[in-house]
């Protein structure tokens, strides 16, 4: 991805994006759905749009998904 594409992606907000507050409020629901094998992005496109656009929220989602799909021992 070149600099222009990166800047355009940064400056363009998907109108479906739910924002950080809503994403954090429902992150556990979205992660549990994804962990179950369901297509969470299809069911909640606004959440999927946000997780793609927001690095910190995407990281939180990935961490939660990792725990749900491969729980630590003990």
Protein backbone atom coordinates (compact mmCIF):
# COMPACT_ATOMS: atom_id res chain seq x y z
CA UNK A 1 0.00 0.00 0.00
CA UNK A 2 1.53 3.34 -1.00
CA UNK A 3 1.42 6.53 1.09
CA UNK A 4 -1.61 7.95 -0.74
CA UNK A 5 -3.64 4.78 -0.18
CA UNK A 6 -2.62 4.74 3.48
CA UNK A 7 -3.61 8.39 3.92
CA UNK A 8 -6.91 7.88 2.09
CA UNK A 9 -7.73 4.90 4.30
CA UNK A 10 -6.85 6.89 7.41
CA UNK A 11 -8.98 9.88 6.41
CA UNK A 12 -11.97 7.95 5.11
CA UNK A 13 -14.43 6.66 7.65
CA UNK A 14 -16.75 3.84 6.69
CA UNK A 15 -20.28 5.11 7.39
CA UNK A 16 -21.11 1.74 8.95
CA UNK A 17 -18.33 2.14 11.57
CA UNK A 18 -19.90 1.94 15.04
CA UNK A 19 -17.08 3.76 16.82
CA UNK A 20 -14.95 2.80 19.80
CA UNK A 21 -17.58 3.18 22.53
CA UNK A 22 -20.07 0.83 20.92
CA UNK A 23 -17.33 -1.54 19.81
CA UNK A 24 -16.04 -1.89 23.36
CA UNK A 25 -19.54 -2.35 24.75
CA UNK A 26 -20.24 -5.31 22.45
CA UNK A 27 -16.75 -6.65 21.77
CA UNK A 28 -17.34 -9.77 23.89
CA UNK A 29 -20.51 -10.61 21.95
CA UNK A 30 -18.79 -10.15 18.59
CA UNK A 31 -15.77 -12.21 19.71
CA UNK A 32 -17.93 -15.04 21.04
CA UNK A 33 -19.84 -15.13 17.78
CA UNK A 34 -16.61 -15.20 15.76
CA UNK A 35 -15.14 -17.88 18.03
CA UNK A 36 -18.20 -20.06 17.46
CA UNK A 37 -17.44 -20.10 13.74
CA UNK A 38 -20.28 -17.80 12.74
CA UNK A 39 -19.71 -14.98 10.28
CA UNK A 40 -19.67 -12.13 12.79
CA UNK A 41 -18.74 -9.58 10.11
CA UNK A 42 -21.78 -10.44 8.03
CA UNK A 43 -24.09 -10.20 11.03
CA UNK A 44 -22.53 -6.99 12.41
CA UNK A 45 -20.95 -5.08 9.51
CA UNK A 46 -20.59 -1.88 11.54
CA UNK A 47 -18.50 -3.69 14.11
CA UNK A 48 -16.40 -5.32 11.39
CA UNK A 49 -15.84 -1.94 9.74
CA UNK A 50 -14.69 -0.47 13.02
CA UNK A 51 -12.32 -3.31 13.86
CA UNK A 52 -10.67 -2.94 10.46
CA UNK A 53 -10.25 0.81 10.89
CA UNK A 54 -9.24 1.03 14.55
CA UNK A 55 -5.96 -0.63 15.47
CA UNK A 56 -6.47 -0.60 19.26
CA UNK A 57 -9.99 -2.05 19.06
CA UNK A 58 -8.84 -4.58 16.49
CA UNK A 59 -6.02 -5.62 18.83
CA UNK A 60 -8.46 -6.01 21.73
CA UNK A 61 -10.73 -8.13 19.54
CA UNK A 62 -7.87 -10.34 18.42
CA UNK A 63 -6.69 -10.83 21.99
CA UNK A 64 -10.16 -11.78 23.16
CA UNK A 65 -10.65 -14.09 20.19
CA UNK A 66 -7.32 -15.77 20.93
CA UNK A 67 -8.37 -16.43 24.52
CA UNK A 68 -11.75 -17.78 23.43
CA UNK A 69 -10.32 -20.10 20.79
CA UNK A 70 -7.18 -21.20 22.66
CA UNK A 71 -7.68 -20.62 26.40
CA UNK A 72 -4.55 -20.54 28.57
CA UNK A 73 -3.91 -23.65 30.62
CA UNK A 74 -4.54 -23.53 34.35
